[in-house]
Amino acid sequence: MAKENIYRTVNCGELREKNIGQEVRVAGWVENIRNHGGVMFLDIRDQYGILQVVVHDEQLLKYINRECTVTLNGNVVKRDDDTINKKIATGYIEVHTDNIKVLGKCKNELPFEVTTSKIVNEDVRLKYRFLDLRNPKVHNNILLRSQVVNFLRQKMTELGFVEINTPILSASSPEGARDYLIPSRKHHGKFYALPQAPQIFKQLLMVSGFDKYFQIAPCFRDEDARADRSPGEFYQLDFEMAFATQEDVFSVAEEVLYETFSKFTNKKVSPAPFRRISYEDAMLKYGTDKPDLRNPLIIEEISDMFVETEFIPFKGKCVRSINVPGAASESKKWFKSMEEFALSIGMKGLGYVKVKEDLSFDGPIDKFLKSGDREELISRNNSKAGDVIYFIADSKSLAPKLAGQIRTEVAKRLDLIDNSRFDLCFIVDFPMYEIDDDGRTIFTHNPFSMPQGGIDALISKHPTEILAYQYDIVCNGVELSSGAVRNHDLDTMIKAFEIAGYTEDELKDKFKSLYNAFQYGAPPHAGMAPGVDRMLMLLTEEENIREVIPFPMNSNAQDLLLDAPTEVTEQQLREVHIKIR
């Protein structure tokens, strides 16, 4: 038989009117102390809620201050009608005590107010993260994280996936980001690397005969921080399937993500099947491979209209247009501010025309249009009276991205984005290769992706014409996941890497495990890895991913709580054969 807990018999947030008259013991943190003329009121907080406690003997509070931990026992009493607090679940009752004990003392001066910690400088918050996490808003983000991870595990198991943990100490692999290197004590001059992803291991599991694998995988990349990217460490729902096609992976992702988002939000969620958008179309219509489909604005390709133009900004350029419904009524100040934004992102200006009632144009670009251009622009952009047509002109590589930024900024300023839904889509048909600034052919994304058309495409097509069975999941403009049908055929793999400048010997050296494994009956396999942190960022509507991570690094990749990275002793360095220069 379990012994009674000496600190509490009930949680603070559990008491209700049905408990009136009961003797209880509670424990928690003192959130607030109020003196009402000899009667003292304490707000006691634990993970489950807040409870009002009444103390009549001021001496009992002699050593008690805010954020110290206490245990107390007393009677549950109905509050007076004029003191009922309907904002909290325990607001109809209070506990009267004459026995209160301090369990954990607290300094009188706090570095910040716990209840308003989210407005405090981030570095201060992270230094005192244990206090910041007491803030119910911050605290609840982490509780939600636990619930979402648990649900993901349950769902993947329900779908027949087996959870397998892959190694943390691994080998360095060229996967696009910098590795975190771990020096070996036993092997002089050699290093382990923390995995950027379980990529190779999960493919080896498929070769090993496991049919469906998953894990909530930690990934380590030495990358700069962004609002949606935490430096150093992140977690993803990593899964892989043997004898699977792209559509098989999509089916699993659609079910898991739809049910996860539907369970943990009241917003409308895209039902299956999620929309499929080719990479080419995404870059054309939205100016990004991470489109926010809640934004109704669409980019149009109009370069062909200006092939023979004498208008210097458009001459020989890639020209895109964006129709903005009803924007003609905006102020001169608004148009000026949009032009300033365009200059800030590297554009030389931002041309536009307003569509008048008779469908003629008013604006700085109008005088450069030739006969028939106005009708054509109205037709292509589906423009109406009162609309504005923006023009973006630049190189073929820059124009799509600049147009995408203008599209996003206009939508934000005019409040066009529908925040009542989660709009998910697949971006498909990524190019297998691209040409870098030095003229070299390099992999666009994952080098282990299967080329569409297999080895025949690698032999017969120009590298930039080859598409890969590579795909992303995007939600509300945030990339949730990348994935691919994997290249499981050794001859195809050798040819794919040859195009990217690798000899077979180099391939064998860098990816020895896969090179060997693919000689012993590798099955077709495919998978993906939705980011857990990014899912939570969307579900909580936080603007920064660090708000959903229990102990994140700051934007400068520092753990301010543990003061990492830190110096180590000379002895420690000697043991791993390292000398600091």
Protein backbone atom coordinates (compact mmCIF):
# COMPACT_ATOMS: atom_id res chain seq x y z
CA MET A 1 0.00 0.00 0.00
CA ALA A 2 1.37 3.41 -1.02
CA LYS A 3 2.15 5.84 1.75
CA GLU A 4 0.37 9.19 1.86
CA ASN A 5 2.40 12.02 0.32
CA ILE A 6 3.75 14.18 3.13
CA TYR A 7 3.64 17.36 1.04
CA ARG A 8 0.19 17.22 -0.56
CA THR A 9 -2.99 15.20 -0.72
CA VAL A 10 -4.40 17.09 -3.68
CA ASN A 11 -3.11 19.36 -6.44
CA CYS A 12 -3.82 23.09 -6.26
CA GLY A 13 -5.82 23.18 -9.46
CA GLU A 14 -8.08 20.24 -8.60
CA LEU A 15 -10.16 21.71 -5.79
CA ARG A 16 -13.79 22.59 -6.54
CA GLU A 17 -17.05 23.34 -4.70
CA LYS A 18 -17.54 19.60 -4.12
CA ASN A 19 -14.48 19.69 -1.85
CA ILE A 20 -15.97 22.29 0.54
CA GLY A 21 -15.58 21.13 4.14
CA GLN A 22 -12.66 18.81 3.42
CA GLU A 23 -9.28 18.92 5.14
CA VAL A 24 -6.54 19.01 2.47
CA ARG A 25 -2.80 19.46 2.14
CA VAL A 26 -1.38 21.31 -0.87
CA ALA A 27 2.09 22.32 -2.04
CA GLY A 28 3.41 24.74 -4.61
CA TRP A 29 4.98 28.10 -5.32
CA VAL A 30 3.80 31.35 -3.76
CA GLU A 31 2.80 33.48 -6.72
CA ASN A 32 1.39 36.43 -4.82
CA ILE A 33 0.86 37.74 -1.28
CA ARG A 34 -1.87 40.27 -0.41
CA ASN A 35 -2.56 41.91 2.96
CA HIS A 36 -6.18 42.96 3.49
CA GLY A 37 -6.15 44.48 6.93
CA GLY A 38 -4.91 41.58 8.99
CA VAL A 39 -6.20 38.89 6.69
CA MET A 40 -3.51 37.56 4.35
CA PHE A 41 -4.22 36.04 0.96
CA LEU A 42 -1.74 33.81 -0.83
CA ASP A 43 -1.96 32.57 -4.39
CA ILE A 44 -0.34 29.12 -4.47
CA ARG A 45 0.60 27.74 -7.89
CA ASP A 46 1.56 24.28 -9.09
CA GLN A 47 1.50 22.68 -12.53
CA TYR A 48 -2.24 22.08 -12.27
CA GLY A 49 -3.51 25.55 -11.37
CA ILE A 50 -3.73 28.36 -8.82
CA LEU A 51 -5.37 28.21 -5.42
CA GLN A 52 -6.24 31.06 -3.04
CA VAL A 53 -5.15 30.45 0.56
CA VAL A 54 -6.34 32.55 3.51
CA VAL A 55 -4.07 33.15 6.54
CA HIS A 56 -5.26 35.03 9.65
CA ASP A 57 -2.01 34.87 11.62
CA GLU A 58 0.55 37.20 10.03
CA GLN A 59 3.35 35.44 11.94
CA LEU A 60 2.86 32.38 9.77
CA LEU A 61 4.18 34.38 6.79
CA LYS A 62 7.35 35.60 8.52
CA TYR A 63 9.68 33.60 6.26
CA ILE A 64 7.46 33.43 3.22
CA ASN A 65 7.96 35.45 0.04
CA ARG A 66 7.05 35.17 -3.63
CA GLU A 67 8.27 32.09 -5.55
CA CYS A 68 9.31 30.17 -2.48
CA THR A 69 7.84 26.68 -2.22
CA VAL A 70 5.50 25.79 0.63
CA THR A 71 3.31 23.04 1.94
CA LEU A 72 0.20 23.76 3.98
CA ASN A 73 -2.90 22.07 5.25
CA GLY A 74 -6.32 23.56 5.87
CA ASN A 75 -10.05 23.48 5.23
CA VAL A 76 -11.71 24.06 1.86
CA VAL A 77 -14.16 26.96 2.25
CA LYS A 78 -16.65 28.55 -0.14
CA ARG A 79 -15.60 32.08 -1.12
CA ASP A 80 -17.79 35.05 -0.32
CA ASP A 81 -19.89 35.97 -3.34
CA ASP A 82 -18.06 39.26 -3.85
CA THR A 83 -14.64 37.51 -3.95
CA ILE A 84 -15.46 34.77 -6.49
CA ASN A 85 -12.95 34.68 -9.35
CA LYS A 86 -14.55 33.14 -12.44
CA LYS A 87 -11.29 33.44 -14.41
CA ILE A 88 -9.73 30.44 -12.66
CA ALA A 89 -11.08 26.92 -12.14
CA THR A 90 -10.66 27.13 -8.35
CA GLY A 91 -12.25 30.57 -8.16
CA TYR A 92 -15.31 29.52 -6.14
CA ILE A 93 -13.33 28.14 -3.17
CA GLU A 94 -10.34 28.91 -0.99
CA VAL A 95 -8.32 27.10 1.66
CA HIS A 96 -8.03 28.50 5.20
CA THR A 97 -4.81 27.47 6.93
CA ASP A 98 -3.05 27.91 10.25
CA ASN A 99 -0.19 25.57 9.35
CA ILE A 100 2.23 26.53 6.57
CA LYS A 101 5.81 25.42 6.07
CA VAL A 102 8.53 26.72 3.76
CA LEU A 103 10.12 23.93 1.69
CA GLY A 104 12.37 25.93 -0.59
CA LYS A 105 13.50 29.47 0.18
CA CYS A 106 13.64 32.15 -2.52
CA LYS A 107 15.64 35.36 -2.76
CA ASN A 108 13.58 38.47 -2.18
CA GLU A 109 14.72 40.05 -5.43
CA LEU A 110 13.73 38.13 -8.55
CA PRO A 111 15.55 38.75 -11.86
CA PHE A 112 12.12 39.25 -13.46
CA GLU A 113 8.44 38.77 -12.75
CA VAL A 114 7.53 35.17 -13.55
CA THR A 115 4.05 35.96 -14.85
CA THR A 116 5.41 38.49 -17.38
CA SER A 117 8.67 36.75 -18.28
CA LYS A 118 7.87 36.59 -22.01
CA ILE A 119 8.47 40.34 -22.35
CA VAL A 120 11.90 40.13 -20.68
CA ASN A 121 15.16 40.16 -22.68
CA GLU A 122 15.64 36.66 -24.07
CA ASP A 123 19.17 36.17 -22.74
CA VAL A 124 17.97 36.97 -19.22
CA ARG A 125 15.09 34.54 -19.62
CA LEU A 126 17.41 31.77 -20.78
CA LYS A 127 19.91 32.39 -17.97
CA TYR A 128 17.08 31.88 -15.50
CA ARG A 129 15.15 29.39 -17.62
CA PHE A 130 13.99 27.53 -14.51
CA LEU A 131 12.07 30.68 -13.53
CA ASP A 132 10.89 31.42 -17.04
CA LEU A 133 9.40 27.91 -17.26
CA ARG A 134 7.22 28.66 -14.24
CA ASN A 135 5.31 31.16 -16.36
CA PRO A 136 2.10 29.23 -17.18
CA LYS A 137 2.25 30.24 -20.84
CA VAL A 138 5.81 28.99 -21.25
CA HIS A 139 5.14 25.98 -19.03
CA ASN A 140 2.09 24.95 -21.04
CA ASN A 141 4.11 25.02 -24.27
CA ILE A 142 6.35 22.30 -22.85
CA LEU A 143 3.39 20.29 -21.55
CA LEU A 144 1.86 20.48 -25.02
CA ARG A 145 5.16 19.28 -26.46
CA SER A 146 4.93 16.17 -24.29
CA GLN A 147 1.34 15.53 -25.37
CA VAL A 148 2.14 15.96 -29.08
CA VAL A 149 5.19 13.68 -28.93
CA ASN A 150 3.17 11.05 -27.08
CA PHE A 151 0.40 11.26 -29.69
CA LEU A 152 2.89 10.95 -32.54
CA ARG A 153 4.35 7.82 -30.95
CA GLN A 154 0.92 6.29 -30.50
CA LYS A 155 -0.12 7.11 -34.06
CA MET A 156 3.04 5.74 -35.68
CA THR A 157 2.76 2.53 -33.65
CA GLU A 158 -0.90 2.24 -34.65
CA LEU A 159 0.19 2.45 -38.31
CA GLY A 160 2.59 -0.45 -37.86
CA PHE A 161 5.86 1.46 -37.46
CA VAL A 162 8.54 0.17 -35.08
CA GLU A 163 10.43 2.67 -32.92
CA ILE A 164 14.19 2.16 -33.23
CA ASN A 165 16.83 4.51 -31.81
CA THR A 166 19.83 5.12 -34.05
CA PRO A 167 23.34 6.11 -32.86
CA ILE A 168 24.24 9.59 -31.64
CA LEU A 169 27.99 9.13 -32.09
CA SER A 170 28.45 8.66 -35.80
CA ALA A 171 30.66 9.58 -38.74
CA SER A 172 30.93 12.95 -40.44
CA SER A 173 28.76 13.14 -43.54
CA PRO A 174 28.38 15.94 -46.13
CA GLU A 175 24.68 16.69 -45.64
CA GLY A 176 24.62 20.43 -46.20
CA ALA A 177 25.32 21.81 -42.72
CA ARG A 178 28.38 21.88 -40.46
CA ASP A 179 28.89 18.88 -38.23
CA TYR A 180 29.41 18.92 -34.49
CA LEU A 181 32.63 16.96 -34.09
CA ILE A 182 33.55 14.78 -31.09
CA PRO A 183 37.24 13.88 -30.71
CA SER A 184 38.11 10.25 -30.04
CA ARG A 185 40.29 9.38 -27.03
CA LYS A 186 41.20 5.92 -28.27
CA HIS A 187 41.76 6.79 -31.91
CA HIS A 188 44.32 9.57 -32.17
CA GLY A 189 43.38 12.32 -34.65
CA LYS A 190 39.97 10.88 -35.46
CA PHE A 191 36.53 12.28 -34.72
CA TYR A 192 32.96 11.21 -34.30
CA ALA A 193 30.18 13.50 -35.52
CA LEU A 194 26.76 14.08 -34.05
CA PRO A 195 24.14 13.08 -36.65
CA GLN A 196 22.61 15.84 -38.75
CA ALA A 197 19.83 13.32 -39.32
CA PRO A 198 19.51 9.53 -39.02
CA GLN A 199 19.62 9.38 -42.84
CA ILE A 200 22.09 6.57 -43.42
CA PHE A 201 21.02 4.50 -40.42
CA LYS A 202 17.35 4.48 -41.39
CA GLN A 203 18.24 3.43 -44.92
CA LEU A 204 20.38 0.64 -43.48
CA LEU A 205 17.41 -0.45 -41.36
CA MET A 206 15.40 -0.88 -44.55
CA VAL A 207 18.21 -2.99 -46.04
CA SER A 208 18.19 -4.96 -42.76
CA GLY A 209 14.63 -6.11 -43.34
CA PHE A 210 12.70 -3.75 -41.06
CA ASP A 211 9.53 -2.74 -42.87
CA LYS A 212 8.48 0.49 -41.14
CA TYR A 213 10.77 2.45 -38.82
CA PHE A 214 10.28 5.65 -36.82
CA GLN A 215 11.80 7.62 -33.98
CA ILE A 216 11.54 11.07 -32.41
CA ALA A 217 15.06 11.75 -33.57
CA PRO A 218 17.49 14.34 -32.22
CA CYS A 219 19.42 16.06 -35.00
CA PHE A 220 22.50 18.22 -34.61
CA ARG A 221 23.54 20.91 -37.07
CA ASP A 222 25.97 23.75 -36.53
CA GLU A 223 23.74 26.33 -38.21
CA ASP A 224 22.87 29.95 -37.55
CA ALA A 225 19.64 30.57 -35.70
CA ARG A 226 16.42 31.81 -37.31
CA ALA A 227 12.94 32.33 -35.98
CA ASP A 228 12.02 28.80 -37.14
CA ARG A 229 15.41 27.18 -36.59
CA SER A 230 17.14 26.52 -33.31
CA PRO A 231 20.94 26.41 -33.47
CA GLY A 232 22.52 23.13 -32.53
CA GLU A 233 19.76 20.66 -31.76
CA PHE A 234 16.26 19.90 -32.98
CA TYR A 235 13.87 16.96 -33.09
CA GLN A 236 11.99 15.38 -35.96
CA LEU A 237 9.48 12.59 -36.47
CA ASP A 238 11.78 10.47 -38.59
CA PHE A 239 10.19 7.59 -40.50
CA GLU A 240 11.10 5.27 -43.36
CA MET A 241 9.21 2.55 -45.26
CA ALA A 242 10.44 -0.40 -47.31
CA PHE A 243 8.86 -1.29 -50.65
CA ALA A 244 7.22 2.11 -50.65
CA THR A 245 6.47 4.79 -53.23
CA GLN A 246 6.16 8.52 -52.87
CA GLU A 247 2.39 8.18 -52.54
CA ASP A 248 2.77 5.63 -49.73
CA VAL A 249 4.79 8.16 -47.76
CA PHE A 250 2.28 10.91 -48.53
CA SER A 251 -0.57 8.76 -47.25
CA VAL A 252 1.14 8.25 -43.88
CA ALA A 253 2.16 11.91 -43.56
CA GLU A 254 -1.35 13.12 -44.40
CA GLU A 255 -2.98 10.90 -41.79
CA VAL A 256 -0.48 11.66 -39.03
CA LEU A 257 -0.25 15.40 -39.57
CA TYR A 258 -3.97 15.93 -40.16
CA GLU A 259 -4.87 14.06 -36.97
CA THR A 260 -2.12 15.77 -34.94
CA PHE A 261 -3.06 19.29 -35.97
CA SER A 262 -6.79 18.54 -35.63
CA LYS A 263 -6.34 17.14 -32.12
CA PHE A 264 -4.28 20.03 -30.76
CA THR A 265 -5.94 23.02 -32.40
CA ASN A 266 -9.40 24.41 -33.04
CA LYS A 267 -8.35 25.80 -36.40
CA LYS A 268 -9.42 24.32 -39.71
CA VAL A 269 -6.83 21.85 -41.04
CA SER A 270 -6.29 20.84 -44.66
CA PRO A 271 -7.93 17.44 -45.18
CA ALA A 272 -6.22 14.67 -47.14
CA PRO A 273 -5.11 14.62 -49.83
CA PHE A 274 -2.90 17.64 -49.29
CA ARG A 275 -2.38 19.80 -52.34
CA ARG A 276 0.59 18.85 -54.54
CA ILE A 277 2.57 21.75 -56.02
CA SER A 278 5.61 21.30 -58.21
CA TYR A 279 8.78 23.17 -57.26
CA GLU A 280 8.60 25.02 -60.57
CA ASP A 281 5.02 26.16 -60.00
CA ALA A 282 5.74 27.14 -56.40
CA MET A 283 8.61 29.39 -57.47
CA LEU A 284 6.49 30.92 -60.23
CA LYS A 285 3.19 31.49 -58.41
CA TYR A 286 4.47 32.14 -54.88
CA GLY A 287 8.15 33.05 -55.30
CA THR A 288 9.24 30.44 -52.77
CA ASP A 289 9.33 26.69 -52.24
CA LYS A 290 7.70 27.32 -48.83
CA PRO A 291 4.44 29.00 -49.88
CA ASP A 292 1.87 30.25 -47.40
CA LEU A 293 -1.34 29.19 -49.12
CA ARG A 294 -3.42 31.29 -46.74
CA ASN A 295 -2.13 34.28 -48.74
CA PRO A 296 -4.51 34.73 -51.72
CA LEU A 297 -2.03 36.72 -53.88
CA ILE A 298 -0.63 34.97 -56.95
CA ILE A 299 2.47 35.90 -58.98
CA GLU A 300 2.20 35.94 -62.76
CA GLU A 301 4.96 35.47 -65.34
CA ILE A 302 4.84 38.35 -67.86
CA SER A 303 8.40 38.41 -69.23
CA ASP A 304 7.17 37.62 -72.75
CA MET A 305 5.24 40.91 -72.83
CA PHE A 306 8.44 42.93 -72.51
CA VAL A 307 10.85 41.12 -74.82
CA GLU A 308 11.03 44.14 -77.14
CA THR A 309 10.49 46.85 -74.53
CA GLU A 310 12.67 49.94 -74.42
CA PHE A 311 11.92 50.37 -70.73
CA ILE A 312 15.39 49.80 -69.29
CA PRO A 313 14.32 48.26 -65.90
CA PHE A 314 12.37 45.55 -67.80
CA LYS A 315 14.65 45.07 -70.80
CA GLY A 316 16.16 41.58 -70.89
CA LYS A 317 14.84 40.82 -67.41
CA CYS A 318 12.57 38.25 -65.84
CA VAL A 319 9.38 40.21 -65.14
CA ARG A 320 6.65 39.13 -62.69
CA SER A 321 3.41 40.81 -61.66
CA ILE A 322 1.17 40.60 -58.59
CA ASN A 323 -2.44 41.76 -58.57
CA VAL A 324 -3.57 43.20 -55.24
CA PRO A 325 -7.38 43.47 -55.01
CA GLY A 326 -8.74 46.82 -53.80
CA ALA A 327 -5.32 48.31 -53.03
CA ALA A 328 -5.81 51.37 -55.26
CA SER A 329 -7.50 53.16 -52.36
CA GLU A 330 -4.40 52.92 -50.17
CA SER A 331 -2.62 56.16 -49.25
CA LYS A 332 0.47 57.64 -50.88
CA LYS A 333 2.26 56.86 -47.62
CA TRP A 334 1.39 53.19 -47.96
CA PHE A 335 2.77 52.98 -51.52
CA LYS A 336 5.87 54.85 -50.41
CA SER A 337 6.44 52.42 -47.54
CA MET A 338 6.15 49.46 -49.93
CA GLU A 339 8.74 51.06 -52.18
CA GLU A 340 11.04 51.50 -49.18
CA PHE A 341 10.59 47.82 -48.34
CA ALA A 342 11.48 46.86 -51.91
CA LEU A 343 14.69 48.87 -51.71
CA SER A 344 15.54 47.23 -48.39
CA ILE A 345 15.50 43.73 -49.96
CA GLY A 346 17.74 44.74 -52.85
CA MET A 347 15.28 45.89 -55.50
CA LYS A 348 15.99 49.08 -57.43
CA GLY A 349 12.37 50.14 -57.19
CA LEU A 350 8.82 48.84 -57.19
CA GLY A 351 6.70 49.75 -60.20
CA TYR A 352 2.91 49.58 -60.15
CA VAL A 353 -0.27 50.70 -61.84
CA LYS A 354 -3.71 51.33 -60.37
CA VAL A 355 -6.68 49.95 -62.32
CA LYS A 356 -9.24 52.70 -62.82
CA GLU A 357 -13.00 52.32 -63.24
CA ASP A 358 -12.76 52.29 -67.05
CA LEU A 359 -9.95 49.68 -66.73
CA SER A 360 -7.32 52.17 -67.83
CA PHE A 361 -4.21 52.51 -65.72
CA ASP A 362 -2.82 55.16 -63.42
CA GLY A 363 0.75 54.88 -62.24
CA PRO A 364 4.42 55.32 -63.11
CA ILE A 365 4.58 52.21 -65.31
CA ASP A 366 1.59 53.07 -67.50
CA LYS A 367 3.49 55.33 -69.93
CA PHE A 368 5.86 52.48 -70.80
CA LEU A 369 3.09 50.11 -71.85
CA LYS A 370 2.34 49.64 -75.55
CA SER A 371 -1.00 49.08 -77.28
CA GLY A 372 -2.75 45.95 -76.03
CA ASP A 373 -0.56 45.58 -72.92
CA ARG A 374 -3.20 46.89 -70.55
CA GLU A 375 -5.85 44.42 -71.72
CA GLU A 376 -3.31 41.59 -71.55
CA LEU A 377 -2.22 42.52 -68.04
CA ILE A 378 -5.83 42.70 -66.84
CA SER A 379 -6.53 39.30 -68.40
CA ARG A 380 -3.45 37.54 -67.00
CA ASN A 381 -3.81 39.00 -63.52
CA ASN A 382 -7.61 38.77 -63.39
CA SER A 383 -7.60 42.43 -62.39
CA LYS A 384 -10.64 44.56 -61.63
CA ALA A 385 -11.31 48.25 -61.05
CA GLY A 386 -9.68 49.38 -57.82
CA ASP A 387 -6.90 46.79 -57.96
CA VAL A 388 -3.16 47.44 -58.06
CA ILE A 389 -0.72 45.53 -60.25
CA TYR A 390 2.84 45.41 -58.92
CA PHE A 391 5.82 44.69 -61.18
CA ILE A 392 9.04 42.94 -60.18
CA ALA A 393 11.93 42.71 -62.65
CA ASP A 394 15.37 41.18 -62.14
CA SER A 395 17.49 38.20 -63.16
CA LYS A 396 15.92 34.75 -63.61
CA SER A 397 17.39 33.63 -60.29
CA LEU A 398 16.45 36.72 -58.24
CA ALA A 399 13.09 37.83 -59.69
CA PRO A 400 11.07 34.87 -58.30
CA LYS A 401 12.44 35.33 -54.78
CA LEU A 402 11.93 39.10 -54.81
CA ALA A 403 8.38 38.66 -56.08
CA GLY A 404 7.76 36.18 -53.26
CA GLN A 405 8.93 38.69 -50.66
CA ILE A 406 6.71 41.42 -52.11
CA ARG A 407 3.76 39.01 -52.15
CA THR A 408 4.27 38.17 -48.50
CA GLU A 409 4.82 41.75 -47.36
CA VAL A 410 1.77 43.12 -49.16
CA ALA A 411 -0.42 40.38 -47.67
CA LYS A 412 0.86 41.11 -44.15
CA ARG A 413 0.31 44.86 -44.47
CA LEU A 414 -3.20 44.47 -45.86
CA ASP A 415 -4.10 41.68 -43.41
CA LEU A 416 -4.94 39.27 -46.23
CA ILE A 417 -3.66 36.12 -44.51
CA ASP A 418 -6.37 33.87 -43.05
CA ASN A 419 -5.13 32.96 -39.56
CA SER A 420 -8.04 30.63 -38.88
CA ARG A 421 -6.56 27.61 -40.64
CA PHE A 422 -3.53 25.39 -41.15
CA ASP A 423 -2.96 24.99 -44.87
CA LEU A 424 -0.66 22.06 -45.67
CA CYS A 425 0.75 21.09 -49.04
CA PHE A 426 3.44 18.95 -50.63
CA ILE A 427 6.11 20.57 -52.77
CA VAL A 428 7.22 17.95 -55.28
CA ASP A 429 9.48 17.47 -58.30
CA PHE A 430 12.54 19.23 -56.98
CA PRO A 431 15.47 19.53 -59.38
CA MET A 432 18.09 16.89 -58.68
CA TYR A 433 21.02 19.19 -59.47
CA GLU A 434 21.90 22.86 -59.77
CA ILE A 435 24.91 24.81 -60.99
CA ASP A 436 26.76 26.72 -58.27
CA ASP A 437 28.54 30.07 -58.61
CA ASP A 438 31.73 28.32 -59.67
CA GLY A 439 29.99 26.47 -62.48
CA ARG A 440 30.04 23.12 -60.71
CA THR A 441 27.14 20.67 -60.79
CA ILE A 442 25.99 20.01 -57.23
CA PHE A 443 23.07 18.24 -55.58
CA THR A 444 20.16 20.59 -54.95
CA HIS A 445 19.02 18.75 -51.83
CA ASN A 446 19.46 15.21 -50.56
CA PRO A 447 22.09 13.30 -52.55
CA PHE A 448 20.40 10.00 -51.70
CA SER A 449 17.20 10.81 -53.62
CA MET A 450 16.11 8.66 -56.55
CA PRO A 451 16.17 10.55 -59.86
CA GLN A 452 12.89 10.48 -61.78
CA GLY A 453 13.55 8.19 -64.72
CA GLY A 454 16.30 6.34 -62.85
CA ILE A 455 19.72 5.80 -64.37
CA ASP A 456 18.36 6.44 -67.90
CA ALA A 457 17.59 10.05 -66.95
CA LEU A 458 21.07 10.46 -65.50
CA ILE A 459 22.59 9.25 -68.76
CA SER A 460 20.35 11.01 -71.28
CA LYS A 461 19.39 14.35 -69.70
CA HIS A 462 21.29 17.50 -68.83
CA PRO A 463 21.75 17.55 -65.04
CA THR A 464 19.58 20.65 -64.56
CA GLU A 465 16.70 18.93 -66.38
CA ILE A 466 16.64 15.94 -64.04
CA LEU A 467 13.95 15.93 -61.37
CA ALA A 468 14.19 13.95 -58.14
CA TYR A 469 11.62 12.06 -56.13
CA GLN A 470 12.18 14.66 -53.47
CA TYR A 471 9.39 16.38 -51.57
CA ASP A 472 8.68 18.81 -48.75
CA ILE A 473 5.66 19.39 -46.55
CA VAL A 474 4.88 23.06 -46.03
CA CYS A 475 2.37 24.49 -43.54
CA ASN A 476 1.48 28.20 -43.47
CA GLY A 477 4.78 29.15 -45.08
CA VAL A 478 6.89 26.97 -42.78
CA GLU A 479 8.79 23.95 -44.07
CA LEU A 480 7.70 21.12 -41.78
CA SER A 481 9.48 18.28 -43.48
CA SER A 482 11.66 17.11 -46.29
CA GLY A 483 11.82 13.59 -47.64
CA ALA A 484 12.47 11.48 -50.67
CA VAL A 485 12.22 8.17 -52.40
CA ARG A 486 15.73 6.91 -51.78
CA ASN A 487 18.20 5.77 -54.37
CA HIS A 488 18.58 2.05 -53.52
CA ASP A 489 20.35 0.94 -56.71
CA LEU A 490 24.14 1.02 -56.54
CA ASP A 491 24.72 1.68 -60.27
CA THR A 492 22.28 4.59 -60.17
CA MET A 493 23.93 5.91 -57.01
CA ILE A 494 27.40 5.74 -58.59
CA LYS A 495 26.19 7.64 -61.67
CA ALA A 496 24.32 10.24 -59.59
CA PHE A 497 27.41 11.05 -57.56
CA GLU A 498 29.60 10.99 -60.68
CA ILE A 499 27.54 13.86 -62.13
CA ALA A 500 28.16 15.81 -58.91
CA GLY A 501 31.91 15.31 -59.28
CA TYR A 502 32.49 12.27 -57.04
CA THR A 503 34.52 9.29 -58.22
CA GLU A 504 33.38 5.83 -57.25
CA ASP A 505 36.30 5.58 -54.85
CA GLU A 506 35.24 8.84 -53.17
CA LEU A 507 31.67 7.59 -52.94
CA LYS A 508 32.86 4.34 -51.43
CA ASP A 509 35.01 6.22 -48.93
CA LYS A 510 32.40 8.79 -47.82
CA PHE A 511 29.37 6.48 -47.80
CA LYS A 512 30.97 3.11 -47.22
CA SER A 513 28.03 1.63 -45.34
CA LEU A 514 25.45 2.33 -48.05
CA TYR A 515 27.90 1.38 -50.82
CA ASN A 516 28.37 -2.02 -49.20
CA ALA A 517 24.75 -2.53 -48.17
CA PHE A 518 23.35 -1.84 -51.63
CA GLN A 519 25.31 -4.82 -52.94
CA TYR A 520 23.25 -7.21 -50.81
CA GLY A 521 19.65 -6.81 -51.88
CA ALA A 522 18.38 -3.34 -50.96
CA PRO A 523 14.59 -2.81 -51.19
CA PRO A 524 13.03 0.31 -52.70
CA HIS A 525 12.40 2.62 -49.75
CA ALA A 526 11.18 6.10 -48.97
CA GLY A 527 10.48 8.35 -46.02
CA MET A 528 10.43 11.81 -44.53
CA ALA A 529 10.91 13.63 -41.23
CA PRO A 530 8.43 16.32 -40.06
CA GLY A 531 10.03 18.69 -37.56
CA VAL A 532 8.53 18.36 -34.08
CA ASP A 533 9.72 21.78 -32.91
CA ARG A 534 8.23 23.51 -35.95
CA MET A 535 4.93 21.69 -35.53
CA LEU A 536 4.76 22.95 -31.96
CA MET A 537 5.71 26.46 -33.02
CA LEU A 538 2.72 26.48 -35.37
CA LEU A 539 0.32 24.89 -32.87
CA THR A 540 1.22 27.38 -30.13
CA GLU A 541 1.29 30.33 -32.57
CA GLU A 542 4.70 31.33 -31.24
CA GLU A 543 6.88 33.48 -33.47
CA ASN A 544 10.13 31.94 -32.26
CA ILE A 545 10.93 28.25 -32.13
CA ARG A 546 12.85 28.64 -28.85
CA GLU A 547 9.51 29.18 -27.07
CA VAL A 548 8.62 25.49 -27.49
CA ILE A 549 11.99 24.02 -26.50
CA PRO A 550 12.57 23.34 -22.77
CA PHE A 551 16.21 24.47 -22.64
CA PRO A 552 17.13 26.18 -25.90
CA MET A 553 20.32 27.91 -26.89
CA ASN A 554 20.13 31.60 -27.61
CA SER A 555 20.45 33.06 -31.11
CA ASN A 556 24.24 33.02 -30.71
CA ALA A 557 24.30 29.25 -30.06
CA GLN A 558 25.00 29.64 -26.33
CA ASP A 559 23.43 27.75 -23.47
CA LEU A 560 23.25 30.58 -20.95
CA LEU A 561 21.85 28.34 -18.22
CA LEU A 562 24.84 25.96 -18.17
CA ASP A 563 27.24 28.48 -19.71
CA ALA A 564 28.01 26.29 -22.71
CA PRO A 565 30.13 26.14 -24.76
CA THR A 566 32.77 26.40 -22.07
CA GLU A 567 36.49 25.91 -21.73
CA VAL A 568 37.85 22.56 -20.63
CA THR A 569 41.01 21.64 -18.79
CA GLU A 570 44.37 21.00 -20.40
CA GLN A 571 44.13 17.43 -19.15
CA GLN A 572 40.83 16.90 -20.94
CA LEU A 573 42.33 18.22 -24.16
CA ARG A 574 45.37 15.95 -23.84
CA GLU A 575 43.15 12.91 -23.39
CA VAL A 576 41.57 13.51 -26.81
CA HIS A 577 44.84 14.61 -28.44
CA ILE A 578 43.81 18.23 -29.05
CA LYS A 579 45.89 21.38 -28.70
CA ILE A 580 44.28 24.82 -28.87
CA ARG A 581 46.15 27.17 -31.17
